């Protein structure tokens, strides 16, 4: 198996072979190669409307899967398991888990009326 290493010109021939490389360089493992070549993961902050009209806030990398988990799986948050069905109200796309977690914290600090306004404002068409 061969992997061309970006920006180096070196070739990884197999994960179990040893090659002489210039000092300070090492062979990349399969995991390192996957990390280097994987596209950046998008994170989402989302708000759900529960059947009791409450609002749940969370983060995920896969909105469709996460909403399905909230509605049909034990993987859904304990809070939403007793308040099914839930529907997606709002989401924001983030570039990192840290950014998503920080925004989630900000939203969780809001009053319910402020969250409702956030949702309402996101649906207002821009003229």
N, C-alpha and C. Protein backbone atom coordinates (compact mmCIF):
# COMPACT_ATOMS: atom_id res chain seq x y z
N UNK A 1 0.84 -1.17 0.00
CA UNK A 1 0.00 0.00 0.00
C UNK A 1 0.90 1.24 0.00
N UNK A 2 0.58 2.25 -0.80
CA UNK A 2 1.39 3.45 -0.86
C UNK A 2 0.55 4.67 -0.55
N UNK A 3 1.13 5.58 0.21
CA UNK A 3 0.49 6.85 0.51
C UNK A 3 1.48 7.95 0.23
N UNK A 4 1.09 8.92 -0.56
CA UNK A 4 1.96 10.06 -0.80
C UNK A 4 1.71 11.06 0.32
N UNK A 5 2.76 11.47 0.97
CA UNK A 5 2.62 12.41 2.08
C UNK A 5 2.58 13.83 1.53
N UNK A 6 1.55 14.58 1.89
CA UNK A 6 1.41 15.93 1.34
C UNK A 6 2.59 16.82 1.72
N UNK A 7 3.05 17.59 0.78
CA UNK A 7 4.08 18.62 0.99
C UNK A 7 5.44 18.06 1.39
N UNK A 8 5.66 16.74 1.29
CA UNK A 8 6.96 16.21 1.69
C UNK A 8 7.67 15.52 0.55
N UNK A 9 6.92 14.93 -0.37
CA UNK A 9 7.52 14.17 -1.44
C UNK A 9 7.90 12.76 -1.03
N UNK A 10 7.70 12.39 0.25
CA UNK A 10 8.00 11.05 0.71
C UNK A 10 6.84 10.13 0.39
N UNK A 11 7.13 8.87 0.34
CA UNK A 11 6.13 7.86 0.03
C UNK A 11 6.12 6.85 1.17
N UNK A 12 4.94 6.57 1.70
CA UNK A 12 4.79 5.54 2.73
C UNK A 12 4.42 4.26 2.01
N UNK A 13 5.28 3.26 2.07
CA UNK A 13 5.07 2.04 1.30
C UNK A 13 4.17 1.05 2.03
N UNK A 14 4.32 0.92 3.32
CA UNK A 14 3.44 0.07 4.11
C UNK A 14 3.60 0.46 5.57
N UNK A 15 2.61 0.15 6.39
CA UNK A 15 2.69 0.58 7.79
C UNK A 15 3.72 -0.19 8.61
N UNK A 16 4.20 -1.32 8.10
CA UNK A 16 5.11 -2.16 8.88
C UNK A 16 6.55 -2.12 8.40
N UNK A 17 6.88 -1.24 7.48
CA UNK A 17 8.24 -1.18 6.99
C UNK A 17 8.96 0.00 7.60
N UNK A 18 10.27 -0.12 7.68
CA UNK A 18 11.08 0.96 8.20
C UNK A 18 11.88 1.55 7.04
N UNK A 19 11.90 2.86 6.95
CA UNK A 19 12.62 3.54 5.90
C UNK A 19 13.54 4.57 6.53
N UNK A 20 14.66 4.81 5.87
CA UNK A 20 15.55 5.86 6.34
C UNK A 20 15.00 7.19 5.87
N UNK A 21 14.79 8.06 6.80
CA UNK A 21 14.29 9.40 6.50
C UNK A 21 15.25 10.43 7.08
N UNK A 22 15.21 11.64 6.57
CA UNK A 22 16.06 12.68 7.15
C UNK A 22 15.76 12.85 8.64
N UNK A 23 16.76 13.29 9.37
CA UNK A 23 16.60 13.49 10.81
C UNK A 23 15.38 14.35 11.10
N UNK A 24 14.65 13.98 12.13
CA UNK A 24 13.48 14.75 12.54
C UNK A 24 12.20 14.33 11.83
N UNK A 25 12.27 13.40 10.89
CA UNK A 25 11.08 12.93 10.18
C UNK A 25 10.74 11.52 10.66
N UNK A 26 9.46 11.17 10.58
CA UNK A 26 9.04 9.82 10.92
C UNK A 26 7.95 9.38 9.96
N UNK A 27 7.75 8.08 9.89
CA UNK A 27 6.67 7.55 9.05
C UNK A 27 5.35 7.82 9.74
N UNK A 28 4.36 8.14 8.95
CA UNK A 28 3.04 8.37 9.50
C UNK A 28 2.28 7.06 9.60
N UNK A 29 1.52 6.91 10.67
CA UNK A 29 0.66 5.74 10.81
C UNK A 29 -0.58 5.93 9.95
N UNK A 30 -1.34 4.85 9.77
CA UNK A 30 -2.59 4.96 9.02
C UNK A 30 -3.51 6.00 9.65
N UNK A 31 -3.56 6.02 10.99
CA UNK A 31 -4.43 6.98 11.67
C UNK A 31 -3.98 8.41 11.38
N UNK A 32 -2.68 8.65 11.41
CA UNK A 32 -2.18 9.99 11.10
C UNK A 32 -2.52 10.39 9.67
N UNK A 33 -2.44 9.46 8.76
CA UNK A 33 -2.78 9.76 7.37
C UNK A 33 -4.25 10.08 7.25
N UNK A 34 -5.11 9.30 7.92
CA UNK A 34 -6.54 9.56 7.88
C UNK A 34 -6.87 10.94 8.44
N UNK A 35 -6.21 11.32 9.52
CA UNK A 35 -6.45 12.64 10.10
C UNK A 35 -6.02 13.73 9.14
N UNK A 36 -4.87 13.54 8.48
CA UNK A 36 -4.38 14.55 7.55
C UNK A 36 -5.29 14.70 6.33
N UNK A 37 -5.87 13.60 5.88
CA UNK A 37 -6.65 13.66 4.65
C UNK A 37 -8.14 13.84 4.89
N UNK A 38 -8.60 13.68 6.13
CA UNK A 38 -10.03 13.81 6.42
C UNK A 38 -10.46 15.26 6.29
N UNK A 39 -11.65 15.49 5.71
CA UNK A 39 -12.15 16.86 5.63
C UNK A 39 -12.49 17.36 7.04
N UNK A 40 -12.42 18.65 7.27
CA UNK A 40 -12.75 19.19 8.59
C UNK A 40 -14.21 18.86 8.94
N UNK A 41 -14.44 18.52 10.19
CA UNK A 41 -15.78 18.19 10.65
C UNK A 41 -16.51 19.46 11.04
N UNK A 42 -17.74 19.59 10.58
CA UNK A 42 -18.58 20.71 11.00
C UNK A 42 -19.35 20.29 12.25
N UNK A 43 -19.50 21.22 13.15
CA UNK A 43 -20.28 21.01 14.36
C UNK A 43 -21.51 21.90 14.27
N UNK A 44 -22.58 21.47 14.91
CA UNK A 44 -23.81 22.23 14.92
C UNK A 44 -24.29 22.43 16.35
N UNK A 45 -24.77 23.62 16.63
CA UNK A 45 -25.52 23.89 17.85
C UNK A 45 -26.97 23.86 17.40
N UNK A 46 -27.82 23.18 18.14
CA UNK A 46 -29.21 23.06 17.70
C UNK A 46 -30.18 23.25 18.86
N UNK A 47 -31.37 23.69 18.52
CA UNK A 47 -32.46 23.83 19.48
C UNK A 47 -33.60 22.94 19.02
N UNK A 48 -34.17 22.19 19.97
CA UNK A 48 -35.31 21.32 19.69
C UNK A 48 -36.52 21.80 20.47
N UNK A 49 -37.68 21.68 19.84
CA UNK A 49 -38.94 21.92 20.54
C UNK A 49 -39.44 20.56 21.02
N UNK A 50 -39.64 20.44 22.30
CA UNK A 50 -40.16 19.20 22.87
C UNK A 50 -41.69 19.24 22.89
N UNK A 51 -42.32 18.08 23.09
CA UNK A 51 -43.78 17.99 23.04
C UNK A 51 -44.45 18.80 24.16
N UNK A 52 -43.72 19.10 25.23
CA UNK A 52 -44.28 19.92 26.32
C UNK A 52 -44.00 21.41 26.11
N UNK A 53 -43.52 21.76 24.90
CA UNK A 53 -43.22 23.14 24.48
C UNK A 53 -41.92 23.68 25.07
N UNK A 54 -41.17 22.85 25.77
CA UNK A 54 -39.86 23.30 26.27
C UNK A 54 -38.86 23.26 25.12
N UNK A 55 -37.70 23.89 25.36
CA UNK A 55 -36.65 23.96 24.34
C UNK A 55 -35.40 23.28 24.89
N UNK A 56 -34.84 22.38 24.09
CA UNK A 56 -33.60 21.69 24.44
C UNK A 56 -32.50 22.18 23.52
N UNK A 57 -31.31 22.42 24.08
CA UNK A 57 -30.16 22.88 23.30
C UNK A 57 -29.05 21.84 23.38
N UNK A 58 -28.42 21.54 22.24
CA UNK A 58 -27.34 20.58 22.21
C UNK A 58 -26.38 20.84 21.06
N UNK A 59 -25.34 20.00 20.96
CA UNK A 59 -24.37 20.09 19.86
C UNK A 59 -24.21 18.71 19.24
N UNK A 60 -23.83 18.69 17.95
CA UNK A 60 -23.62 17.43 17.24
C UNK A 60 -22.84 17.68 15.96
N UNK A 61 -22.36 16.61 15.36
CA UNK A 61 -21.75 16.70 14.04
C UNK A 61 -22.70 16.21 12.96
N UNK A 62 -23.82 15.58 13.37
CA UNK A 62 -24.78 15.02 12.42
C UNK A 62 -26.19 15.31 12.92
N UNK A 63 -26.81 16.36 12.39
CA UNK A 63 -28.13 16.78 12.86
C UNK A 63 -29.20 15.72 12.65
N UNK A 64 -29.27 15.15 11.45
CA UNK A 64 -30.32 14.16 11.17
C UNK A 64 -30.23 12.98 12.12
N UNK A 65 -29.03 12.46 12.29
CA UNK A 65 -28.83 11.31 13.17
C UNK A 65 -29.18 11.67 14.61
N UNK A 66 -28.76 12.83 15.05
CA UNK A 66 -28.99 13.22 16.45
C UNK A 66 -30.46 13.43 16.74
N UNK A 67 -31.19 14.04 15.82
CA UNK A 67 -32.63 14.23 16.02
C UNK A 67 -33.33 12.87 16.06
N UNK A 68 -32.91 11.96 15.18
CA UNK A 68 -33.47 10.61 15.21
C UNK A 68 -33.19 9.95 16.56
N UNK A 69 -31.98 10.12 17.09
CA UNK A 69 -31.66 9.56 18.41
C UNK A 69 -32.54 10.15 19.50
N UNK A 70 -32.76 11.47 19.44
CA UNK A 70 -33.62 12.10 20.44
C UNK A 70 -35.04 11.53 20.39
N UNK A 71 -35.52 11.20 19.20
CA UNK A 71 -36.90 10.72 19.04
C UNK A 71 -37.09 9.22 19.18
N UNK A 72 -36.03 8.43 18.89
CA UNK A 72 -36.24 6.98 18.78
C UNK A 72 -35.25 6.11 19.53
N UNK A 73 -34.28 6.66 20.19
CA UNK A 73 -33.19 5.85 20.72
C UNK A 73 -32.91 6.18 22.18
N UNK A 74 -32.27 5.23 22.83
CA UNK A 74 -31.79 5.48 24.20
C UNK A 74 -30.59 6.43 24.20
N UNK A 75 -30.03 6.69 23.02
CA UNK A 75 -28.90 7.62 22.91
C UNK A 75 -29.36 9.07 22.99
N UNK A 76 -30.67 9.31 22.86
CA UNK A 76 -31.19 10.67 23.01
C UNK A 76 -30.97 11.13 24.44
N UNK A 77 -30.89 12.43 24.62
CA UNK A 77 -30.66 12.99 25.95
C UNK A 77 -31.77 12.56 26.91
N UNK A 78 -31.43 12.34 28.15
CA UNK A 78 -32.42 11.94 29.16
C UNK A 78 -33.57 12.95 29.20
N UNK A 79 -33.23 14.23 29.06
CA UNK A 79 -34.25 15.28 29.09
C UNK A 79 -35.29 15.08 27.99
N UNK A 80 -34.84 14.76 26.77
CA UNK A 80 -35.78 14.66 25.66
C UNK A 80 -36.50 13.31 25.60
N UNK A 81 -35.95 12.28 26.23
CA UNK A 81 -36.58 10.95 26.16
C UNK A 81 -37.99 10.97 26.73
N UNK A 82 -38.23 11.77 27.72
CA UNK A 82 -39.57 11.87 28.31
C UNK A 82 -40.42 12.97 27.69
N UNK A 83 -39.91 13.61 26.64
CA UNK A 83 -40.63 14.74 26.03
C UNK A 83 -40.74 14.57 24.52
N UNK A 84 -40.84 13.34 24.07
CA UNK A 84 -40.94 13.04 22.65
C UNK A 84 -42.37 13.25 22.17
N UNK A 85 -42.54 13.57 20.89
CA UNK A 85 -41.52 13.80 19.87
C UNK A 85 -40.92 15.19 19.99
N UNK A 86 -39.71 15.33 19.44
CA UNK A 86 -39.04 16.63 19.39
C UNK A 86 -38.90 17.03 17.93
N UNK A 87 -38.85 18.33 17.68
CA UNK A 87 -38.65 18.83 16.32
C UNK A 87 -37.55 19.88 16.33
N UNK A 88 -36.81 19.94 15.24
CA UNK A 88 -35.73 20.91 15.12
C UNK A 88 -36.30 22.31 14.94
N UNK A 89 -35.87 23.23 15.80
CA UNK A 89 -36.29 24.62 15.73
C UNK A 89 -35.26 25.49 15.03
N UNK A 90 -33.98 25.21 15.32
CA UNK A 90 -32.93 26.15 14.94
C UNK A 90 -31.60 25.42 14.98
N UNK A 91 -30.67 25.84 14.13
CA UNK A 91 -29.29 25.33 14.22
C UNK A 91 -28.32 26.36 13.67
N UNK A 92 -27.10 26.28 14.17
CA UNK A 92 -25.98 27.11 13.69
C UNK A 92 -24.82 26.17 13.39
N UNK A 93 -24.13 26.43 12.29
CA UNK A 93 -22.97 25.63 11.91
C UNK A 93 -21.71 26.27 12.51
N UNK A 94 -20.87 25.43 13.12
CA UNK A 94 -19.63 25.87 13.74
C UNK A 94 -18.45 25.10 13.13
N UNK A 95 -17.26 25.64 13.31
CA UNK A 95 -16.08 24.99 12.73
C UNK A 95 -15.36 24.05 13.68
N UNK A 96 -15.69 24.09 14.98
CA UNK A 96 -15.00 23.21 15.93
C UNK A 96 -15.93 22.86 17.08
N UNK A 97 -15.57 21.80 17.78
CA UNK A 97 -16.35 21.41 18.96
C UNK A 97 -16.27 22.50 20.03
N UNK A 98 -15.11 23.09 20.18
CA UNK A 98 -14.94 24.16 21.16
C UNK A 98 -15.89 25.31 20.87
N UNK A 99 -15.92 25.76 19.63
CA UNK A 99 -16.80 26.85 19.24
C UNK A 99 -18.26 26.48 19.47
N UNK A 100 -18.63 25.25 19.11
CA UNK A 100 -20.01 24.80 19.31
C UNK A 100 -20.37 24.75 20.79
N UNK A 101 -19.46 24.26 21.61
CA UNK A 101 -19.71 24.17 23.05
C UNK A 101 -19.86 25.54 23.68
N UNK A 102 -19.05 26.48 23.24
CA UNK A 102 -19.14 27.84 23.77
C UNK A 102 -20.48 28.48 23.40
N UNK A 103 -20.90 28.28 22.15
CA UNK A 103 -22.18 28.84 21.71
C UNK A 103 -23.34 28.14 22.42
N UNK A 104 -23.23 26.84 22.61
CA UNK A 104 -24.25 26.10 23.36
C UNK A 104 -24.40 26.68 24.76
N UNK A 105 -23.28 26.95 25.41
CA UNK A 105 -23.32 27.53 26.76
C UNK A 105 -24.02 28.89 26.73
N UNK A 106 -23.68 29.74 25.74
CA UNK A 106 -24.32 31.06 25.62
C UNK A 106 -25.84 30.91 25.49
N UNK A 107 -26.26 30.00 24.63
CA UNK A 107 -27.70 29.83 24.41
C UNK A 107 -28.38 29.27 25.65
N UNK A 108 -27.73 28.35 26.33
CA UNK A 108 -28.32 27.78 27.54
C UNK A 108 -28.47 28.82 28.66
N UNK A 109 -27.71 29.90 28.59
CA UNK A 109 -27.83 30.97 29.58
C UNK A 109 -29.01 31.91 29.28
N UNK A 110 -29.54 31.82 28.07
CA UNK A 110 -30.65 32.69 27.67
C UNK A 110 -31.95 32.26 28.34
N UNK A 111 -32.84 33.22 28.52
CA UNK A 111 -34.20 32.92 28.96
C UNK A 111 -34.93 32.28 27.78
N UNK A 112 -36.00 31.57 28.09
CA UNK A 112 -36.76 30.92 27.03
C UNK A 112 -37.26 31.94 26.01
N UNK A 113 -37.68 33.09 26.46
CA UNK A 113 -38.17 34.12 25.54
C UNK A 113 -37.07 34.59 24.59
N UNK A 114 -35.83 34.64 25.07
CA UNK A 114 -34.70 35.03 24.21
C UNK A 114 -34.40 33.94 23.18
N UNK A 115 -34.54 32.68 23.58
CA UNK A 115 -34.35 31.58 22.62
C UNK A 115 -35.44 31.63 21.54
N UNK A 116 -36.68 31.91 21.97
CA UNK A 116 -37.79 32.02 21.01
C UNK A 116 -37.51 33.16 20.02
N UNK A 117 -36.95 34.25 20.52
CA UNK A 117 -36.63 35.39 19.66
C UNK A 117 -35.51 35.04 18.68
N UNK A 118 -34.52 34.30 19.15
CA UNK A 118 -33.43 33.83 18.29
C UNK A 118 -34.00 33.01 17.12
N UNK A 119 -34.91 32.12 17.43
CA UNK A 119 -35.55 31.29 16.41
C UNK A 119 -36.35 32.16 15.46
N UNK A 120 -37.13 33.07 16.01
CA UNK A 120 -37.98 33.97 15.19
C UNK A 120 -37.11 34.83 14.26
N UNK A 121 -36.03 35.38 14.79
CA UNK A 121 -35.14 36.24 13.99
C UNK A 121 -34.47 35.46 12.87
N UNK A 122 -34.19 34.19 13.09
CA UNK A 122 -33.53 33.38 12.06
C UNK A 122 -34.46 33.09 10.89
N UNK A 123 -35.74 33.22 11.11
CA UNK A 123 -36.73 32.94 10.06
C UNK A 123 -37.20 34.19 9.34
N UNK A 124 -36.72 35.35 9.79
CA UNK A 124 -37.09 36.60 9.15
C UNK A 124 -36.31 36.77 7.87
N UNK A 125 -37.00 36.90 6.72
CA UNK A 125 -36.28 37.06 5.45
C UNK A 125 -35.49 38.37 5.41
N UNK A 126 -34.32 38.32 4.83
CA UNK A 126 -33.49 39.50 4.67
C UNK A 126 -33.90 40.18 3.36
N UNK A 127 -34.20 41.48 3.45
CA UNK A 127 -34.65 42.23 2.25
C UNK A 127 -33.51 43.04 1.67
